[in-house]
Amino acid sequence: MSVTAEASVHVDADRAAVWRALTDPELISQYLFGTQVETDWKVGSRITYRGEWQGKPYEDKGTILEVDEPNRIVSTFFSALRGKPDVPENYQNVTYRIDDAAGGGVTVTVIQDGNADEAEAAHSTANWTQVLEGLRTVVER
């Protein structure tokens, strides 16, 4: 069974500003817990996330599946921190979507599939909510 996590935030900015925050490694590190992201944002390219969590270094990874600037990015995602083997069925899909919001600005939504159960999905939703609040702060600064 696969459970989906989803989180959204309203950002008082245009799509271009949010897109830049989603794709500029320097900006990403400001709201994604200091994570260093490496990719060229081309379909089929690898994406890696390096950092430190609770004093332990990590390297998460995936593949870029879709880039529709300035609307949507989809990639696979694997984290050894989940404690599962590095096999295709343990990769999740993560979608970042930017939609126009009523009254101005945009809504940024993150959807992460492949969560093992409701508890893991709730944990992922809480994490993405925190990340999106940080993204809003970075963009609206």
N, C-alpha and C. Protein backbone atom coordinates (compact mmCIF):
# COMPACT_ATOMS: atom_id res chain seq x y z
N MET A 1 0.83 -1.19 0.00
CA MET A 1 0.00 0.00 0.00
C MET A 1 0.88 1.25 0.00
N SER A 2 0.49 2.23 -0.78
CA SER A 2 1.22 3.49 -0.85
C SER A 2 0.30 4.62 -0.45
N VAL A 3 0.77 5.45 0.48
CA VAL A 3 -0.03 6.56 0.98
C VAL A 3 0.66 7.86 0.54
N THR A 4 -0.14 8.82 0.10
CA THR A 4 0.39 10.08 -0.40
C THR A 4 0.37 11.15 0.69
N ALA A 5 1.46 11.92 0.76
CA ALA A 5 1.54 13.08 1.64
C ALA A 5 1.42 14.32 0.77
N GLU A 6 0.75 15.35 1.28
CA GLU A 6 0.59 16.58 0.52
C GLU A 6 0.60 17.78 1.46
N ALA A 7 1.31 18.84 1.06
CA ALA A 7 1.36 20.08 1.83
C ALA A 7 1.35 21.24 0.85
N SER A 8 0.72 22.35 1.26
CA SER A 8 0.65 23.54 0.41
C SER A 8 0.88 24.79 1.24
N VAL A 9 1.32 25.86 0.56
CA VAL A 9 1.49 27.15 1.21
C VAL A 9 1.21 28.24 0.18
N HIS A 10 0.62 29.33 0.65
CA HIS A 10 0.44 30.50 -0.21
C HIS A 10 1.70 31.35 -0.11
N VAL A 11 2.20 31.81 -1.27
CA VAL A 11 3.39 32.66 -1.30
C VAL A 11 3.01 33.94 -2.03
N ASP A 12 3.29 35.05 -1.39
CA ASP A 12 2.98 36.36 -1.97
C ASP A 12 4.12 36.76 -2.91
N ALA A 13 4.17 36.10 -4.07
CA ALA A 13 5.22 36.35 -5.07
C ALA A 13 4.73 35.78 -6.40
N ASP A 14 5.50 36.03 -7.45
CA ASP A 14 5.12 35.47 -8.75
C ASP A 14 5.78 34.11 -8.96
N ARG A 15 5.35 33.43 -10.01
CA ARG A 15 5.86 32.09 -10.31
C ARG A 15 7.38 32.10 -10.50
N ALA A 16 7.91 33.14 -11.15
CA ALA A 16 9.35 33.18 -11.43
C ALA A 16 10.16 33.19 -10.14
N ALA A 17 9.71 33.94 -9.14
CA ALA A 17 10.43 34.01 -7.87
C ALA A 17 10.39 32.66 -7.15
N VAL A 18 9.23 32.01 -7.19
CA VAL A 18 9.10 30.70 -6.54
C VAL A 18 9.91 29.66 -7.30
N TRP A 19 9.86 29.70 -8.62
CA TRP A 19 10.63 28.76 -9.43
C TRP A 19 12.12 28.87 -9.10
N ARG A 20 12.60 30.10 -8.99
CA ARG A 20 14.01 30.33 -8.65
C ARG A 20 14.32 29.69 -7.30
N ALA A 21 13.42 29.85 -6.32
CA ALA A 21 13.65 29.26 -4.99
C ALA A 21 13.64 27.74 -5.03
N LEU A 22 12.87 27.17 -5.96
CA LEU A 22 12.81 25.71 -6.07
C LEU A 22 14.01 25.12 -6.81
N THR A 23 14.72 25.94 -7.59
CA THR A 23 15.78 25.40 -8.45
C THR A 23 17.17 25.96 -8.19
N ASP A 24 17.31 26.97 -7.36
CA ASP A 24 18.61 27.57 -7.07
C ASP A 24 19.18 26.91 -5.81
N PRO A 25 20.28 26.15 -5.93
CA PRO A 25 20.82 25.42 -4.78
C PRO A 25 21.09 26.29 -3.56
N GLU A 26 21.52 27.53 -3.78
CA GLU A 26 21.81 28.42 -2.65
C GLU A 26 20.52 28.75 -1.89
N LEU A 27 19.44 28.99 -2.62
CA LEU A 27 18.16 29.27 -1.97
C LEU A 27 17.58 28.02 -1.33
N ILE A 28 17.69 26.88 -2.01
CA ILE A 28 17.17 25.61 -1.47
C ILE A 28 17.78 25.33 -0.09
N SER A 29 19.08 25.52 0.04
CA SER A 29 19.74 25.21 1.32
C SER A 29 19.20 26.07 2.46
N GLN A 30 18.65 27.25 2.13
CA GLN A 30 18.13 28.15 3.16
C GLN A 30 16.83 27.64 3.79
N TYR A 31 16.06 26.84 3.05
CA TYR A 31 14.78 26.35 3.60
C TYR A 31 14.72 24.83 3.71
N LEU A 32 15.70 24.12 3.16
CA LEU A 32 15.69 22.65 3.21
C LEU A 32 16.77 22.15 4.17
N PHE A 33 16.76 22.70 5.39
CA PHE A 33 17.60 22.23 6.49
C PHE A 33 19.09 22.23 6.15
N GLY A 34 19.53 23.18 5.31
CA GLY A 34 20.94 23.28 4.95
C GLY A 34 21.40 22.29 3.90
N THR A 35 20.47 21.56 3.31
CA THR A 35 20.80 20.54 2.31
C THR A 35 21.43 21.17 1.07
N GLN A 36 22.47 20.51 0.57
CA GLN A 36 23.11 20.91 -0.69
C GLN A 36 22.54 20.05 -1.80
N VAL A 37 21.89 20.70 -2.78
CA VAL A 37 21.26 19.98 -3.88
C VAL A 37 22.10 20.14 -5.13
N GLU A 38 22.30 19.02 -5.84
CA GLU A 38 23.04 19.05 -7.10
C GLU A 38 22.23 18.38 -8.19
N THR A 39 21.95 19.12 -9.27
CA THR A 39 21.32 18.60 -10.47
C THR A 39 21.38 19.68 -11.53
N ASP A 40 21.12 19.31 -12.78
CA ASP A 40 21.03 20.31 -13.84
C ASP A 40 19.57 20.57 -14.24
N TRP A 41 18.63 19.96 -13.52
CA TRP A 41 17.19 20.15 -13.74
C TRP A 41 16.75 19.74 -15.14
N LYS A 42 17.42 18.74 -15.72
CA LYS A 42 17.01 18.19 -17.01
C LYS A 42 16.39 16.82 -16.80
N VAL A 43 15.33 16.54 -17.56
CA VAL A 43 14.66 15.24 -17.46
C VAL A 43 15.67 14.12 -17.69
N GLY A 44 15.67 13.15 -16.78
CA GLY A 44 16.58 12.01 -16.86
C GLY A 44 17.86 12.21 -16.04
N SER A 45 18.12 13.43 -15.58
CA SER A 45 19.33 13.70 -14.80
C SER A 45 19.16 13.27 -13.35
N ARG A 46 20.28 12.98 -12.72
CA ARG A 46 20.29 12.65 -11.29
C ARG A 46 20.12 13.92 -10.47
N ILE A 47 19.55 13.75 -9.29
CA ILE A 47 19.50 14.82 -8.30
C ILE A 47 20.00 14.22 -7.00
N THR A 48 20.91 14.92 -6.33
CA THR A 48 21.41 14.45 -5.04
C THR A 48 21.18 15.53 -3.99
N TYR A 49 20.93 15.07 -2.79
CA TYR A 49 20.72 15.93 -1.63
C TYR A 49 21.73 15.50 -0.58
N ARG A 50 22.65 16.40 -0.21
CA ARG A 50 23.66 16.07 0.79
C ARG A 50 23.52 17.00 1.98
N GLY A 51 23.72 16.44 3.15
CA GLY A 51 23.66 17.26 4.34
C GLY A 51 23.95 16.46 5.58
N GLU A 52 23.50 16.99 6.70
CA GLU A 52 23.70 16.33 7.98
C GLU A 52 22.38 16.38 8.73
N TRP A 53 21.96 15.24 9.29
CA TRP A 53 20.73 15.17 10.06
C TRP A 53 21.03 14.52 11.39
N GLN A 54 20.76 15.25 12.46
CA GLN A 54 21.01 14.78 13.82
C GLN A 54 22.46 14.29 13.97
N GLY A 55 23.39 15.08 13.41
CA GLY A 55 24.81 14.79 13.54
C GLY A 55 25.36 13.74 12.59
N LYS A 56 24.50 13.19 11.71
CA LYS A 56 24.97 12.14 10.79
C LYS A 56 24.85 12.65 9.35
N PRO A 57 25.93 12.47 8.56
CA PRO A 57 25.86 12.88 7.16
C PRO A 57 24.92 11.96 6.38
N TYR A 58 24.27 12.51 5.37
CA TYR A 58 23.41 11.71 4.51
C TYR A 58 23.57 12.15 3.06
N GLU A 59 23.20 11.26 2.15
CA GLU A 59 23.12 11.58 0.73
C GLU A 59 21.89 10.88 0.18
N ASP A 60 20.87 11.67 -0.09
CA ASP A 60 19.65 11.17 -0.71
C ASP A 60 19.76 11.40 -2.21
N LYS A 61 18.93 10.71 -2.98
CA LYS A 61 19.09 10.82 -4.43
C LYS A 61 17.79 10.54 -5.15
N GLY A 62 17.82 10.83 -6.44
CA GLY A 62 16.68 10.55 -7.29
C GLY A 62 17.00 10.91 -8.72
N THR A 63 15.95 10.92 -9.54
CA THR A 63 16.06 11.25 -10.96
C THR A 63 14.98 12.25 -11.31
N ILE A 64 15.33 13.26 -12.11
CA ILE A 64 14.36 14.24 -12.56
C ILE A 64 13.46 13.58 -13.61
N LEU A 65 12.15 13.60 -13.36
CA LEU A 65 11.18 12.98 -14.28
C LEU A 65 10.48 13.99 -15.17
N GLU A 66 10.25 15.19 -14.64
CA GLU A 66 9.50 16.19 -15.39
C GLU A 66 9.92 17.59 -14.95
N VAL A 67 10.09 18.49 -15.92
CA VAL A 67 10.36 19.89 -15.63
C VAL A 67 9.48 20.71 -16.57
N ASP A 68 8.54 21.43 -15.98
CA ASP A 68 7.62 22.28 -16.74
C ASP A 68 7.71 23.67 -16.12
N GLU A 69 8.76 24.42 -16.52
CA GLU A 69 9.00 25.75 -15.95
C GLU A 69 7.92 26.72 -16.40
N PRO A 70 7.33 27.51 -15.54
CA PRO A 70 7.49 27.65 -14.10
C PRO A 70 6.33 27.02 -13.32
N ASN A 71 5.93 25.83 -13.71
CA ASN A 71 4.71 25.24 -13.14
C ASN A 71 4.93 24.00 -12.27
N ARG A 72 5.90 23.15 -12.65
CA ARG A 72 5.94 21.83 -12.04
C ARG A 72 7.30 21.17 -12.20
N ILE A 73 7.72 20.49 -11.13
CA ILE A 73 8.92 19.65 -11.15
C ILE A 73 8.53 18.32 -10.51
N VAL A 74 8.91 17.23 -11.14
CA VAL A 74 8.66 15.90 -10.57
C VAL A 74 9.98 15.13 -10.59
N SER A 75 10.30 14.50 -9.47
CA SER A 75 11.49 13.65 -9.42
C SER A 75 11.20 12.43 -8.56
N THR A 76 12.04 11.41 -8.76
CA THR A 76 12.02 10.30 -7.81
C THR A 76 12.87 10.72 -6.62
N PHE A 77 12.72 10.00 -5.51
CA PHE A 77 13.45 10.33 -4.30
C PHE A 77 13.69 9.07 -3.50
N PHE A 78 14.95 8.89 -3.08
CA PHE A 78 15.30 7.79 -2.19
C PHE A 78 16.15 8.32 -1.05
N SER A 79 15.78 7.94 0.17
CA SER A 79 16.56 8.29 1.34
C SER A 79 16.87 7.04 2.14
N ALA A 80 18.14 6.79 2.36
CA ALA A 80 18.56 5.65 3.19
C ALA A 80 18.06 5.83 4.63
N LEU A 81 17.74 7.08 5.02
CA LEU A 81 17.25 7.33 6.37
C LEU A 81 15.92 6.64 6.64
N ARG A 82 15.21 6.23 5.59
CA ARG A 82 13.95 5.49 5.78
C ARG A 82 14.21 4.05 6.22
N GLY A 83 15.48 3.60 6.10
CA GLY A 83 15.83 2.26 6.56
C GLY A 83 15.43 1.14 5.62
N LYS A 84 15.22 1.48 4.35
CA LYS A 84 14.82 0.47 3.37
C LYS A 84 15.92 0.31 2.34
N PRO A 85 15.97 -0.87 1.68
CA PRO A 85 17.02 -1.09 0.68
C PRO A 85 16.86 -0.16 -0.53
N ASP A 86 18.00 0.13 -1.18
CA ASP A 86 18.02 0.99 -2.37
C ASP A 86 17.63 0.16 -3.59
N VAL A 87 16.32 -0.05 -3.73
CA VAL A 87 15.74 -0.76 -4.87
C VAL A 87 14.59 0.08 -5.42
N PRO A 88 14.28 -0.07 -6.70
CA PRO A 88 13.29 0.82 -7.33
C PRO A 88 11.96 0.95 -6.59
N GLU A 89 11.47 -0.11 -6.00
CA GLU A 89 10.16 -0.03 -5.32
C GLU A 89 10.19 0.82 -4.05
N ASN A 90 11.39 1.17 -3.57
CA ASN A 90 11.50 2.02 -2.38
C ASN A 90 11.75 3.49 -2.72
N TYR A 91 11.70 3.83 -4.01
CA TYR A 91 11.79 5.24 -4.43
C TYR A 91 10.40 5.85 -4.39
N GLN A 92 10.34 7.11 -4.01
CA GLN A 92 9.09 7.84 -3.97
C GLN A 92 9.11 8.87 -5.10
N ASN A 93 7.94 9.33 -5.50
CA ASN A 93 7.85 10.46 -6.43
C ASN A 93 7.52 11.70 -5.63
N VAL A 94 8.23 12.79 -5.92
CA VAL A 94 7.97 14.07 -5.27
C VAL A 94 7.63 15.08 -6.37
N THR A 95 6.46 15.70 -6.23
CA THR A 95 5.99 16.70 -7.20
C THR A 95 5.91 18.05 -6.51
N TYR A 96 6.52 19.05 -7.13
CA TYR A 96 6.38 20.44 -6.71
C TYR A 96 5.49 21.11 -7.76
N ARG A 97 4.41 21.73 -7.31
CA ARG A 97 3.48 22.37 -8.23
C ARG A 97 3.27 23.82 -7.81
N ILE A 98 3.28 24.72 -8.79
CA ILE A 98 3.03 26.15 -8.55
C ILE A 98 1.76 26.52 -9.29
N ASP A 99 0.76 27.01 -8.55
CA ASP A 99 -0.52 27.40 -9.13
C ASP A 99 -0.83 28.84 -8.76
N ASP A 100 -1.46 29.56 -9.68
CA ASP A 100 -1.92 30.91 -9.35
C ASP A 100 -2.93 30.83 -8.21
N ALA A 101 -2.86 31.79 -7.30
CA ALA A 101 -3.78 31.81 -6.16
C ALA A 101 -4.80 32.92 -6.37
N ALA A 102 -6.02 32.68 -5.92
CA ALA A 102 -7.05 33.70 -5.98
C ALA A 102 -6.58 34.90 -5.14
N GLY A 103 -6.72 36.08 -5.68
CA GLY A 103 -6.31 37.26 -4.95
C GLY A 103 -4.84 37.60 -5.07
N GLY A 104 -4.09 36.88 -5.90
CA GLY A 104 -2.69 37.18 -6.13
C GLY A 104 -1.76 36.19 -5.48
N GLY A 105 -0.51 36.24 -5.91
CA GLY A 105 0.48 35.29 -5.41
C GLY A 105 0.26 33.92 -6.01
N VAL A 106 0.88 32.94 -5.41
CA VAL A 106 0.79 31.56 -5.89
C VAL A 106 0.60 30.60 -4.71
N THR A 107 0.13 29.42 -5.04
CA THR A 107 0.09 28.32 -4.08
C THR A 107 1.14 27.32 -4.51
N VAL A 108 2.03 26.95 -3.59
CA VAL A 108 3.04 25.94 -3.85
C VAL A 108 2.61 24.68 -3.12
N THR A 109 2.55 23.58 -3.87
CA THR A 109 2.13 22.30 -3.30
C THR A 109 3.21 21.27 -3.53
N VAL A 110 3.47 20.46 -2.51
CA VAL A 110 4.37 19.31 -2.64
C VAL A 110 3.54 18.06 -2.39
N ILE A 111 3.68 17.10 -3.30
CA ILE A 111 2.99 15.81 -3.18
C ILE A 111 4.07 14.73 -3.19
N GLN A 112 4.06 13.87 -2.18
CA GLN A 112 5.04 12.79 -2.07
C GLN A 112 4.30 11.48 -1.94
N ASP A 113 4.44 10.60 -2.93
CA ASP A 113 3.79 9.30 -2.86
C ASP A 113 4.73 8.26 -2.25
N GLY A 114 4.28 7.04 -2.16
CA GLY A 114 5.15 5.95 -1.72
C GLY A 114 5.38 5.87 -0.23
N ASN A 115 4.59 6.59 0.57
CA ASN A 115 4.72 6.46 2.02
C ASN A 115 4.12 5.12 2.44
N ALA A 116 4.76 4.45 3.38
CA ALA A 116 4.38 3.09 3.74
C ALA A 116 3.01 3.00 4.41
N ASP A 117 2.65 4.03 5.18
CA ASP A 117 1.38 4.00 5.91
C ASP A 117 0.98 5.43 6.27
N GLU A 118 -0.15 5.56 6.95
CA GLU A 118 -0.65 6.89 7.32
C GLU A 118 0.31 7.64 8.24
N ALA A 119 0.99 6.91 9.13
CA ALA A 119 1.93 7.56 10.06
C ALA A 119 3.11 8.16 9.29
N GLU A 120 3.66 7.40 8.33
CA GLU A 120 4.76 7.92 7.54
C GLU A 120 4.29 9.11 6.68
N ALA A 121 3.09 9.01 6.13
CA ALA A 121 2.54 10.11 5.33
C ALA A 121 2.34 11.36 6.19
N ALA A 122 1.87 11.19 7.41
CA ALA A 122 1.67 12.33 8.32
C ALA A 122 3.02 12.97 8.66
N HIS A 123 4.04 12.15 8.88
CA HIS A 123 5.39 12.67 9.15
C HIS A 123 5.90 13.44 7.94
N SER A 124 5.72 12.89 6.74
CA SER A 124 6.16 13.56 5.51
C SER A 124 5.41 14.88 5.32
N THR A 125 4.10 14.87 5.58
CA THR A 125 3.30 16.09 5.44
C THR A 125 3.81 17.17 6.40
N ALA A 126 4.11 16.78 7.63
CA ALA A 126 4.62 17.75 8.61
C ALA A 126 5.97 18.31 8.15
N ASN A 127 6.85 17.45 7.64
CA ASN A 127 8.15 17.92 7.14
C ASN A 127 7.97 18.88 5.97
N TRP A 128 7.12 18.50 5.01
CA TRP A 128 6.92 19.36 3.84
C TRP A 128 6.26 20.68 4.23
N THR A 129 5.38 20.67 5.21
CA THR A 129 4.78 21.92 5.68
C THR A 129 5.85 22.85 6.21
N GLN A 130 6.78 22.31 6.99
CA GLN A 130 7.89 23.11 7.54
C GLN A 130 8.78 23.64 6.40
N VAL A 131 9.08 22.79 5.43
CA VAL A 131 9.91 23.19 4.29
C VAL A 131 9.22 24.32 3.51
N LEU A 132 7.92 24.17 3.25
CA LEU A 132 7.20 25.18 2.48
C LEU A 132 7.08 26.51 3.23
N GLU A 133 6.93 26.45 4.54
CA GLU A 133 6.92 27.69 5.32
C GLU A 133 8.28 28.40 5.19
N GLY A 134 9.37 27.61 5.19
CA GLY A 134 10.70 28.17 5.00
C GLY A 134 10.86 28.75 3.60
N LEU A 135 10.34 28.05 2.60
CA LEU A 135 10.39 28.55 1.23
C LEU A 135 9.66 29.89 1.13
N ARG A 136 8.49 29.98 1.74
CA ARG A 136 7.73 31.23 1.72
C ARG A 136 8.56 32.36 2.33
N THR A 137 9.20 32.09 3.46
CA THR A 137 10.02 33.10 4.12
C THR A 137 11.15 33.57 3.21
N VAL A 138 11.82 32.63 2.55
CA VAL A 138 12.93 32.96 1.65
C VAL A 138 12.44 33.80 0.47
N VAL A 139 11.32 33.41 -0.13
CA VAL A 139 10.83 34.10 -1.32
C VAL A 139 10.28 35.48 -0.99
N GLU A 140 9.57 35.60 0.14
CA GLU A 140 8.93 36.87 0.48
C GLU A 140 9.89 37.86 1.12
N ARG A 141 11.12 37.43 1.44
CA ARG A 141 12.11 38.28 2.08
C ARG A 141 12.47 39.46 1.22
